[in-house]
All heavy atoms as atom14 arrays in JSON, in Angstrom:
{
  "sequence": "ESVSRSRILIDSRYDATPDGGAAAFIAPFKQKVDSVMSPVVGRT",
  "atom14_mask": [
    [1, 1, 1, 1, 1, 1, 1, 1, 1, 0, 0, 0, 0, 0],
    [1, 1, 1, 1, 1, 1, 0, 0, 0, 0, 0, 0, 0, 0],
    [1, 1, 1, 1, 1, 1, 1, 0, 0, 0, 0, 0, 0, 0],
    [1, 1, 1, 1, 1, 1, 0, 0, 0, 0, 0, 0, 0, 0],
    [1, 1, 1, 1, 1, 1, 1, 1, 1, 1, 1, 0, 0, 0],
    [1, 1, 1, 1, 1, 1, 0, 0, 0, 0, 0, 0, 0, 0],
    [1, 1, 1, 1, 1, 1, 1, 1, 1, 1, 1, 0, 0, 0],
    [1, 1, 1, 1, 1, 1, 1, 1, 0, 0, 0, 0, 0, 0],
    [1, 1, 1, 1, 1, 1, 1, 1, 0, 0, 0, 0, 0, 0],
    [1, 1, 1, 1, 1, 1, 1, 1, 0, 0, 0, 0, 0, 0],
    [1, 1, 1, 1, 1, 1, 1, 1, 0, 0, 0, 0, 0, 0],
    [1, 1, 1, 1, 1, 1, 0, 0, 0, 0, 0, 0, 0, 0],
    [1, 1, 1, 1, 1, 1, 1, 1, 1, 1, 1, 0, 0, 0],
    [1, 1, 1, 1, 1, 1, 1, 1, 1, 1, 1, 1, 0, 0],
    [1, 1, 1, 1, 1, 1, 1, 1, 0, 0, 0, 0, 0, 0],
    [1, 1, 1, 1, 1, 0, 0, 0, 0, 0, 0, 0, 0, 0],
    [1, 1, 1, 1, 1, 1, 1, 0, 0, 0, 0, 0, 0, 0],
    [1, 1, 1, 1, 1, 1, 1, 0, 0, 0, 0, 0, 0, 0],
    [1, 1, 1, 1, 1, 1, 1, 1, 0, 0, 0, 0, 0, 0],
    [1, 1, 1, 1, 0, 0, 0, 0, 0, 0, 0, 0, 0, 0],
    [1, 1, 1, 1, 0, 0, 0, 0, 0, 0, 0, 0, 0, 0],
    [1, 1, 1, 1, 1, 0, 0, 0, 0, 0, 0, 0, 0, 0],
    [1, 1, 1, 1, 1, 0, 0, 0, 0, 0, 0, 0, 0, 0],
    [1, 1, 1, 1, 1, 0, 0, 0, 0, 0, 0, 0, 0, 0],
    [1, 1, 1, 1, 1, 1, 1, 1, 1, 1, 1, 0, 0, 0],
    [1, 1, 1, 1, 1, 1, 1, 1, 0, 0, 0, 0, 0, 0],
    [1, 1, 1, 1, 1, 0, 0, 0, 0, 0, 0, 0, 0, 0],
    [1, 1, 1, 1, 1, 1, 1, 0, 0, 0, 0, 0, 0, 0],
    [1, 1, 1, 1, 1, 1, 1, 1, 1, 1, 1, 0, 0, 0],
    [1, 1, 1, 1, 1, 1, 1, 1, 1, 0, 0, 0, 0, 0],
    [1, 1, 1, 1, 1, 1, 1, 1, 1, 0, 0, 0, 0, 0],
    [1, 1, 1, 1, 1, 1, 1, 1, 1, 0, 0, 0, 0, 0],
    [1, 1, 1, 1, 1, 1, 1, 0, 0, 0, 0, 0, 0, 0],
    [1, 1, 1, 1, 1, 1, 1, 1, 0, 0, 0, 0, 0, 0],
    [1, 1, 1, 1, 1, 1, 0, 0, 0, 0, 0, 0, 0, 0],
    [1, 1, 1, 1, 1, 1, 1, 0, 0, 0, 0, 0, 0, 0],
    [1, 1, 1, 1, 1, 1, 1, 1, 0, 0, 0, 0, 0, 0],
    [1, 1, 1, 1, 1, 1, 0, 0, 0, 0, 0, 0, 0, 0],
    [1, 1, 1, 1, 1, 1, 1, 0, 0, 0, 0, 0, 0, 0],
    [1, 1, 1, 1, 1, 1, 1, 0, 0, 0, 0, 0, 0, 0],
    [1, 1, 1, 1, 1, 1, 1, 0, 0, 0, 0, 0, 0, 0],
    [1, 1, 1, 1, 0, 0, 0, 0, 0, 0, 0, 0, 0, 0],
    [1, 1, 1, 1, 1, 1, 1, 1, 1, 1, 1, 0, 0, 0],
    [1, 1, 1, 1, 1, 1, 1, 0, 0, 0, 0, 0, 0, 0]
  ],
  "atom14_positions": [
    [[18.29, -24.0, -17.53], [17.55, -24.82, -18.52], [16.54, -24.01, -19.32], [16.26, -24.31, -20.43], [16.85, -25.98, -17.8], [17.86, -27.01, -17.27], [17.15, -28.26, -16.76], [15.88, -28.25, -16.66], [17.84, -29.28, -16.57], [0.0, 0.0, 0.0], [0.0, 0.0, 0.0], [0.0, 0.0, 0.0], [0.0, 0.0, 0.0], [0.0, 0.0, 0.0]],
    [[15.94, -23.01, -18.65], [14.98, -22.17, -19.35], [14.77, -20.87, -18.64], [15.02, -20.71, -17.47], [13.64, -22.94, -19.47], [13.08, -23.08, -18.2], [0.0, 0.0, 0.0], [0.0, 0.0, 0.0], [0.0, 0.0, 0.0], [0.0, 0.0, 0.0], [0.0, 0.0, 0.0], [0.0, 0.0, 0.0], [0.0, 0.0, 0.0], [0.0, 0.0, 0.0]],
    [[14.32, -19.9, -19.45], [13.97, -18.59, -18.94], [12.61, -18.15, -19.51], [12.41, -18.29, -20.73], [15.04, -17.52, -19.3], [14.6, -16.14, -18.83], [16.39, -17.87, -18.73], [0.0, 0.0, 0.0], [0.0, 0.0, 0.0], [0.0, 0.0, 0.0], [0.0, 0.0, 0.0], [0.0, 0.0, 0.0], [0.0, 0.0, 0.0], [0.0, 0.0, 0.0]],
    [[11.7, -17.75, -18.65], [10.42, -17.23, -19.17], [10.03, -16.07, -18.3], [10.51, -15.89, -17.16], [9.37, -18.34, -19.1], [9.13, -18.69, -17.77], [0.0, 0.0, 0.0], [0.0, 0.0, 0.0], [0.0, 0.0, 0.0], [0.0, 0.0, 0.0], [0.0, 0.0, 0.0], [0.0, 0.0, 0.0], [0.0, 0.0, 0.0], [0.0, 0.0, 0.0]],
    [[9.18, -15.22, -18.87], [8.74, -14.06, -18.11], [7.35, -13.65, -18.58], [6.9, -14.02, -19.63], [9.7, -12.91, -18.28], [9.78, -12.34, -19.72], [10.71, -11.2, -19.79], [10.77, -10.64, -21.16], [11.5, -9.62, -21.48], [12.35, -9.06, -20.58], [11.5, -9.17, -22.74], [0.0, 0.0, 0.0], [0.0, 0.0, 0.0], [0.0, 0.0, 0.0]],
    [[6.71, -12.84, -17.68], [5.41, -12.31, -18.02], [5.18, -11.02, -17.28], [5.9, -10.71, -16.31], [4.27, -13.31, -17.63], [4.3, -13.52, -16.22], [0.0, 0.0, 0.0], [0.0, 0.0, 0.0], [0.0, 0.0, 0.0], [0.0, 0.0, 0.0], [0.0, 0.0, 0.0], [0.0, 0.0, 0.0], [0.0, 0.0, 0.0], [0.0, 0.0, 0.0]],
    [[4.25, -10.22, -17.73], [3.96, -8.93, -17.12], [2.71, -9.03, -16.27], [1.72, -9.69, -16.65], [3.74, -7.83, -18.16], [5.01, -7.49, -18.94], [4.68, -6.44, -20.0], [5.86, -6.07, -20.73], [6.71, -5.08, -20.42], [6.49, -4.37, -19.31], [7.77, -4.8, -21.15], [0.0, 0.0, 0.0], [0.0, 0.0, 0.0], [0.0, 0.0, 0.0]],
    [[2.71, -8.41, -15.14], [1.51, -8.31, -14.28], [1.08, -6.88, -14.21], [1.79, -6.0, -13.77], [1.82, -8.82, -12.86], [2.28, -10.28, -12.88], [0.56, -8.69, -11.97], [2.74, -10.8, -11.55], [0.0, 0.0, 0.0], [0.0, 0.0, 0.0], [0.0, 0.0, 0.0], [0.0, 0.0, 0.0], [0.0, 0.0, 0.0], [0.0, 0.0, 0.0]],
    [[-0.1, -6.59, -14.8], [-0.59, -5.23, -14.84], [-1.17, -4.85, -13.48], [-2.05, -5.48, -12.96], [-1.67, -5.11, -15.93], [-2.3, -3.76, -16.09], [-1.27, -2.71, -16.52], [-3.49, -3.82, -17.08], [0.0, 0.0, 0.0], [0.0, 0.0, 0.0], [0.0, 0.0, 0.0], [0.0, 0.0, 0.0], [0.0, 0.0, 0.0], [0.0, 0.0, 0.0]],
    [[-0.65, -3.78, -12.91], [-1.17, -3.24, -11.66], [-1.9, -1.93, -11.99], [-1.29, -0.93, -12.4], [-0.02, -2.95, -10.65], [0.85, -4.2, -10.42], [-0.56, -2.42, -9.36], [0.1, -5.35, -9.79], [0.0, 0.0, 0.0], [0.0, 0.0, 0.0], [0.0, 0.0, 0.0], [0.0, 0.0, 0.0], [0.0, 0.0, 0.0], [0.0, 0.0, 0.0]],
    [[-3.2, -1.92, -11.83], [-3.96, -0.72, -12.1], [-5.09, -0.56, -11.08], [-5.12, -1.31, -10.08], [-4.48, -0.69, -13.55], [-5.42, -1.93, -13.83], [-5.92, -2.53, -12.89], [-5.64, -2.21, -15.07], [0.0, 0.0, 0.0], [0.0, 0.0, 0.0], [0.0, 0.0, 0.0], [0.0, 0.0, 0.0], [0.0, 0.0, 0.0], [0.0, 0.0, 0.0]],
    [[-6.05, 0.32, -11.39], [-7.1, 0.67, -10.4], [-7.99, -0.52, -10.09], [-8.69, -0.48, -9.04], [-7.94, 1.83, -10.92], [-8.54, 1.46, -12.15], [0.0, 0.0, 0.0], [0.0, 0.0, 0.0], [0.0, 0.0, 0.0], [0.0, 0.0, 0.0], [0.0, 0.0, 0.0], [0.0, 0.0, 0.0], [0.0, 0.0, 0.0], [0.0, 0.0, 0.0]],
    [[-8.02, -1.56, -10.9], [-8.88, -2.67, -10.63], [-8.5, -3.39, -9.3], [-9.31, -4.0, -8.66], [-8.82, -3.69, -11.77], [-9.51, -3.23, -13.04], [-9.36, -4.2, -14.17], [-7.97, -4.26, -14.56], [-7.52, -5.15, -15.49], [-8.33, -6.03, -15.99], [-6.22, -5.15, -15.79], [0.0, 0.0, 0.0], [0.0, 0.0, 0.0], [0.0, 0.0, 0.0]],
    [[-7.22, -3.28, -8.94], [-6.78, -3.91, -7.68], [-7.3, -3.2, -6.47], [-7.27, -3.73, -5.37], [-5.25, -4.06, -7.69], [-4.72, -5.11, -8.57], [-4.48, -4.85, -9.93], [-4.49, -6.37, -8.11], [-4.03, -5.85, -10.76], [-4.04, -7.39, -8.9], [-3.78, -7.11, -10.27], [-3.32, -8.12, -11.09], [0.0, 0.0, 0.0], [0.0, 0.0, 0.0]],
    [[-7.77, -1.97, -6.65], [-8.29, -1.18, -5.53], [-9.82, -1.34, -5.42], [-10.45, -0.86, -4.45], [-7.99, 0.29, -5.69], [-6.48, 0.52, -5.61], [-5.83, -0.23, -4.86], [-5.99, 1.43, -6.35], [0.0, 0.0, 0.0], [0.0, 0.0, 0.0], [0.0, 0.0, 0.0], [0.0, 0.0, 0.0], [0.0, 0.0, 0.0], [0.0, 0.0, 0.0]],
    [[-10.46, -2.01, -6.37], [-11.93, -2.05, -6.44], [-12.49, -2.96, -5.35], [-13.56, -2.69, -4.81], [-12.37, -2.55, -7.82], [0.0, 0.0, 0.0], [0.0, 0.0, 0.0], [0.0, 0.0, 0.0], [0.0, 0.0, 0.0], [0.0, 0.0, 0.0], [0.0, 0.0, 0.0], [0.0, 0.0, 0.0], [0.0, 0.0, 0.0], [0.0, 0.0, 0.0]],
    [[-11.77, -4.0, -5.01], [-12.26, -4.97, -3.98], [-11.17, -5.19, -2.96], [-10.51, -6.27, -2.96], [-12.69, -6.29, -4.62], [-11.61, -6.83, -5.4], [-13.89, -6.08, -5.54], [0.0, 0.0, 0.0], [0.0, 0.0, 0.0], [0.0, 0.0, 0.0], [0.0, 0.0, 0.0], [0.0, 0.0, 0.0], [0.0, 0.0, 0.0], [0.0, 0.0, 0.0]],
    [[-10.93, -4.24, -2.09], [-9.81, -4.4, -1.13], [-10.13, -5.52, -0.16], [-11.28, -5.8, 0.16], [-9.79, -3.02, -0.43], [-11.14, -2.47, -0.64], [-11.63, -2.94, -1.96], [0.0, 0.0, 0.0], [0.0, 0.0, 0.0], [0.0, 0.0, 0.0], [0.0, 0.0, 0.0], [0.0, 0.0, 0.0], [0.0, 0.0, 0.0], [0.0, 0.0, 0.0]],
    [[-9.06, -6.08, 0.38], [-9.2, -7.17, 1.37], [-9.41, -6.56, 2.73], [-8.54, -5.91, 3.32], [-7.91, -7.97, 1.37], [-7.99, -9.23, 2.21], [-8.49, -9.09, 3.34], [-7.54, -10.31, 1.79], [0.0, 0.0, 0.0], [0.0, 0.0, 0.0], [0.0, 0.0, 0.0], [0.0, 0.0, 0.0], [0.0, 0.0, 0.0], [0.0, 0.0, 0.0]],
    [[-10.61, -6.7, 3.26], [-10.96, -6.1, 4.53], [-10.14, -6.59, 5.68], [-9.76, -5.82, 6.57], [0.0, 0.0, 0.0], [0.0, 0.0, 0.0], [0.0, 0.0, 0.0], [0.0, 0.0, 0.0], [0.0, 0.0, 0.0], [0.0, 0.0, 0.0], [0.0, 0.0, 0.0], [0.0, 0.0, 0.0], [0.0, 0.0, 0.0], [0.0, 0.0, 0.0]],
    [[-9.8, -7.91, 5.67], [-8.98, -8.44, 6.74], [-7.61, -7.87, 6.75], [-7.05, -7.5, 7.8], [0.0, 0.0, 0.0], [0.0, 0.0, 0.0], [0.0, 0.0, 0.0], [0.0, 0.0, 0.0], [0.0, 0.0, 0.0], [0.0, 0.0, 0.0], [0.0, 0.0, 0.0], [0.0, 0.0, 0.0], [0.0, 0.0, 0.0], [0.0, 0.0, 0.0]],
    [[-7.02, -7.7, 5.57], [-5.69, -7.16, 5.46], [-5.69, -5.67, 5.89], [-4.82, -5.2, 6.6], [-5.17, -7.24, 4.04], [0.0, 0.0, 0.0], [0.0, 0.0, 0.0], [0.0, 0.0, 0.0], [0.0, 0.0, 0.0], [0.0, 0.0, 0.0], [0.0, 0.0, 0.0], [0.0, 0.0, 0.0], [0.0, 0.0, 0.0], [0.0, 0.0, 0.0]],
    [[-6.76, -4.94, 5.51], [-6.85, -3.51, 5.87], [-6.98, -3.34, 7.42], [-6.36, -2.49, 7.99], [-8.06, -2.87, 5.14], [0.0, 0.0, 0.0], [0.0, 0.0, 0.0], [0.0, 0.0, 0.0], [0.0, 0.0, 0.0], [0.0, 0.0, 0.0], [0.0, 0.0, 0.0], [0.0, 0.0, 0.0], [0.0, 0.0, 0.0], [0.0, 0.0, 0.0]],
    [[-7.75, -4.24, 8.01], [-7.9, -4.18, 9.44], [-6.63, -4.48, 10.18], [-6.3, -3.9, 11.21], [-9.03, -5.16, 9.86], [0.0, 0.0, 0.0], [0.0, 0.0, 0.0], [0.0, 0.0, 0.0], [0.0, 0.0, 0.0], [0.0, 0.0, 0.0], [0.0, 0.0, 0.0], [0.0, 0.0, 0.0], [0.0, 0.0, 0.0], [0.0, 0.0, 0.0]],
    [[-5.87, -5.46, 9.61], [-4.6, -5.83, 10.24], [-3.6, -4.68, 10.17], [-2.83, -4.41, 11.15], [-4.01, -7.05, 9.53], [-2.63, -7.46, 9.99], [-2.49, -8.21, 11.16], [-1.49, -7.09, 9.3], [-1.27, -8.61, 11.63], [-0.25, -7.46, 9.76], [-0.12, -8.22, 10.91], [0.0, 0.0, 0.0], [0.0, 0.0, 0.0], [0.0, 0.0, 0.0]],
    [[-3.56, -3.95, 9.06], [-2.61, -2.87, 8.82], [-3.01, -1.62, 9.56], [-2.12, -0.83, 9.99], [-2.49, -2.6, 7.33], [-1.81, -3.77, 6.62], [-1.72, -1.3, 7.05], [-1.82, -3.67, 5.1], [0.0, 0.0, 0.0], [0.0, 0.0, 0.0], [0.0, 0.0, 0.0], [0.0, 0.0, 0.0], [0.0, 0.0, 0.0], [0.0, 0.0, 0.0]],
    [[-4.28, -1.41, 9.83], [-4.79, -0.12, 10.35], [-4.05, 0.38, 11.56], [-3.63, 1.58, 11.59], [-6.29, -0.24, 10.63], [0.0, 0.0, 0.0], [0.0, 0.0, 0.0], [0.0, 0.0, 0.0], [0.0, 0.0, 0.0], [0.0, 0.0, 0.0], [0.0, 0.0, 0.0], [0.0, 0.0, 0.0], [0.0, 0.0, 0.0], [0.0, 0.0, 0.0]],
    [[-3.86, -0.4, 12.64], [-3.17, 0.16, 13.81], [-1.7, 0.53, 13.52], [-1.18, 1.52, 14.11], [-3.25, -0.92, 14.82], [-3.5, -2.22, 14.08], [-4.28, -1.77, 12.86], [0.0, 0.0, 0.0], [0.0, 0.0, 0.0], [0.0, 0.0, 0.0], [0.0, 0.0, 0.0], [0.0, 0.0, 0.0], [0.0, 0.0, 0.0], [0.0, 0.0, 0.0]],
    [[-1.03, -0.21, 12.62], [0.35, 0.13, 12.26], [0.36, 1.41, 11.44], [1.21, 2.28, 11.64], [0.99, -1.04, 11.52], [0.98, -2.31, 12.28], [0.08, -3.29, 12.04], [1.93, -2.55, 13.28], [0.07, -4.49, 12.74], [1.94, -3.72, 13.99], [0.99, -4.69, 13.76], [0.0, 0.0, 0.0], [0.0, 0.0, 0.0], [0.0, 0.0, 0.0]],
    [[-0.61, 1.52, 10.5], [-0.62, 2.71, 9.65], [-0.88, 3.96, 10.49], [-0.28, 5.04, 10.24], [-1.82, 2.55, 8.62], [-1.88, 3.71, 7.64], [-3.01, 3.46, 6.62], [-3.05, 4.57, 5.59], [-3.27, 5.89, 6.16], [0.0, 0.0, 0.0], [0.0, 0.0, 0.0], [0.0, 0.0, 0.0], [0.0, 0.0, 0.0], [0.0, 0.0, 0.0]],
    [[-1.76, 3.85, 11.48], [-2.03, 5.02, 12.35], [-0.74, 5.46, 13.09], [-0.51, 6.67, 13.17], [-3.11, 4.68, 13.33], [-3.52, 5.84, 14.23], [-4.64, 5.48, 15.19], [-5.06, 4.29, 15.29], [-5.14, 6.44, 15.93], [0.0, 0.0, 0.0], [0.0, 0.0, 0.0], [0.0, 0.0, 0.0], [0.0, 0.0, 0.0], [0.0, 0.0, 0.0]],
    [[0.04, 4.54, 13.54], [1.24, 4.87, 14.24], [2.27, 5.48, 13.32], [2.91, 6.46, 13.65], [1.81, 3.62, 14.96], [3.04, 3.91, 15.83], [3.45, 2.7, 16.62], [4.59, 3.06, 17.56], [5.03, 1.9, 18.39], [0.0, 0.0, 0.0], [0.0, 0.0, 0.0], [0.0, 0.0, 0.0], [0.0, 0.0, 0.0], [0.0, 0.0, 0.0]],
    [[2.4, 4.87, 12.13], [3.36, 5.37, 11.16], [3.0, 6.8, 10.71], [3.79, 7.7, 10.65], [3.47, 4.45, 9.94], [4.27, 5.1, 8.8], [4.12, 3.13, 10.32], [0.0, 0.0, 0.0], [0.0, 0.0, 0.0], [0.0, 0.0, 0.0], [0.0, 0.0, 0.0], [0.0, 0.0, 0.0], [0.0, 0.0, 0.0], [0.0, 0.0, 0.0]],
    [[1.67, 6.98, 10.41], [1.21, 8.3, 10.0], [1.44, 9.35, 11.05], [1.74, 10.52, 10.74], [-0.26, 8.24, 9.64], [-0.52, 7.48, 8.35], [0.44, 7.24, 7.61], [-1.7, 7.19, 8.07], [0.0, 0.0, 0.0], [0.0, 0.0, 0.0], [0.0, 0.0, 0.0], [0.0, 0.0, 0.0], [0.0, 0.0, 0.0], [0.0, 0.0, 0.0]],
    [[1.33, 9.01, 12.34], [1.52, 9.98, 13.41], [2.94, 10.46, 13.43], [3.21, 11.6, 13.85], [1.15, 9.37, 14.77], [2.07, 8.36, 15.14], [0.0, 0.0, 0.0], [0.0, 0.0, 0.0], [0.0, 0.0, 0.0], [0.0, 0.0, 0.0], [0.0, 0.0, 0.0], [0.0, 0.0, 0.0], [0.0, 0.0, 0.0], [0.0, 0.0, 0.0]],
    [[3.9, 9.62, 13.01], [5.3, 10.02, 12.96], [5.64, 10.75, 11.67], [6.37, 11.75, 11.68], [6.21, 8.77, 13.11], [7.67, 9.15, 12.96], [5.98, 8.12, 14.47], [0.0, 0.0, 0.0], [0.0, 0.0, 0.0], [0.0, 0.0, 0.0], [0.0, 0.0, 0.0], [0.0, 0.0, 0.0], [0.0, 0.0, 0.0], [0.0, 0.0, 0.0]],
    [[5.15, 10.27, 10.57], [5.56, 10.73, 9.25], [4.79, 11.98, 8.77], [5.29, 12.7, 7.92], [5.39, 9.63, 8.19], [6.27, 8.41, 8.44], [8.03, 8.84, 8.35], [8.77, 7.25, 8.73], [0.0, 0.0, 0.0], [0.0, 0.0, 0.0], [0.0, 0.0, 0.0], [0.0, 0.0, 0.0], [0.0, 0.0, 0.0], [0.0, 0.0, 0.0]],
    [[3.61, 12.2, 9.32], [2.73, 13.28, 8.74], [3.0, 14.69, 9.22], [2.57, 15.63, 8.5], [1.27, 12.9, 8.99], [0.95, 11.7, 8.37], [0.0, 0.0, 0.0], [0.0, 0.0, 0.0], [0.0, 0.0, 0.0], [0.0, 0.0, 0.0], [0.0, 0.0, 0.0], [0.0, 0.0, 0.0], [0.0, 0.0, 0.0], [0.0, 0.0, 0.0]],
    [[3.59, 14.93, 10.35], [3.79, 16.36, 10.79], [4.53, 17.18, 9.76], [5.52, 16.76, 9.2], [4.59, 16.19, 12.09], [4.23, 14.85, 12.64], [4.05, 14.0, 11.4], [0.0, 0.0, 0.0], [0.0, 0.0, 0.0], [0.0, 0.0, 0.0], [0.0, 0.0, 0.0], [0.0, 0.0, 0.0], [0.0, 0.0, 0.0], [0.0, 0.0, 0.0]],
    [[4.01, 18.36, 9.49], [4.59, 19.26, 8.52], [5.76, 20.0, 9.17], [5.62, 20.55, 10.3], [3.54, 20.28, 8.02], [4.22, 21.35, 7.14], [2.46, 19.55, 7.22], [0.0, 0.0, 0.0], [0.0, 0.0, 0.0], [0.0, 0.0, 0.0], [0.0, 0.0, 0.0], [0.0, 0.0, 0.0], [0.0, 0.0, 0.0], [0.0, 0.0, 0.0]],
    [[6.92, 20.06, 8.52], [8.11, 20.72, 9.06], [8.4, 22.0, 8.32], [9.25, 22.82, 8.79], [9.32, 19.78, 9.02], [9.07, 18.55, 9.87], [9.7, 19.4, 7.6], [0.0, 0.0, 0.0], [0.0, 0.0, 0.0], [0.0, 0.0, 0.0], [0.0, 0.0, 0.0], [0.0, 0.0, 0.0], [0.0, 0.0, 0.0], [0.0, 0.0, 0.0]],
    [[7.74, 22.25, 7.18], [8.0, 23.48, 6.42], [7.32, 23.42, 5.13], [6.49, 22.53, 4.85], [0.0, 0.0, 0.0], [0.0, 0.0, 0.0], [0.0, 0.0, 0.0], [0.0, 0.0, 0.0], [0.0, 0.0, 0.0], [0.0, 0.0, 0.0], [0.0, 0.0, 0.0], [0.0, 0.0, 0.0], [0.0, 0.0, 0.0], [0.0, 0.0, 0.0]],
    [[7.66, 24.4, 4.24], [7.05, 24.5, 2.92], [8.11, 24.79, 1.88], [9.1, 25.48, 2.18], [5.97, 25.58, 2.86], [4.7, 25.27, 3.61], [3.67, 26.39, 3.42], [3.37, 26.65, 2.02], [2.47, 25.93, 1.28], [1.83, 24.97, 1.89], [2.24, 26.25, 0.05], [0.0, 0.0, 0.0], [0.0, 0.0, 0.0], [0.0, 0.0, 0.0]],
    [[7.9, 24.29, 0.67], [8.79, 24.58, -0.45], [8.06, 25.5, -1.44], [6.82, 25.41, -1.58], [9.23, 23.35, -1.16], [8.11, 22.58, -1.57], [10.11, 22.5, -0.29], [0.0, 0.0, 0.0], [0.0, 0.0, 0.0], [0.0, 0.0, 0.0], [0.0, 0.0, 0.0], [0.0, 0.0, 0.0], [0.0, 0.0, 0.0], [0.0, 0.0, 0.0]]
  ]
}
């Protein structure tokens, strides 16, 4: 019946006031992921 669209601008303003609760929830998972993903295996 209809089609509409709009753009959502994602820029630095979204980082200005981070959600503390969301950051706290993610923190333990991020630490575990970083421990697996961060080790250096070589150089280019």
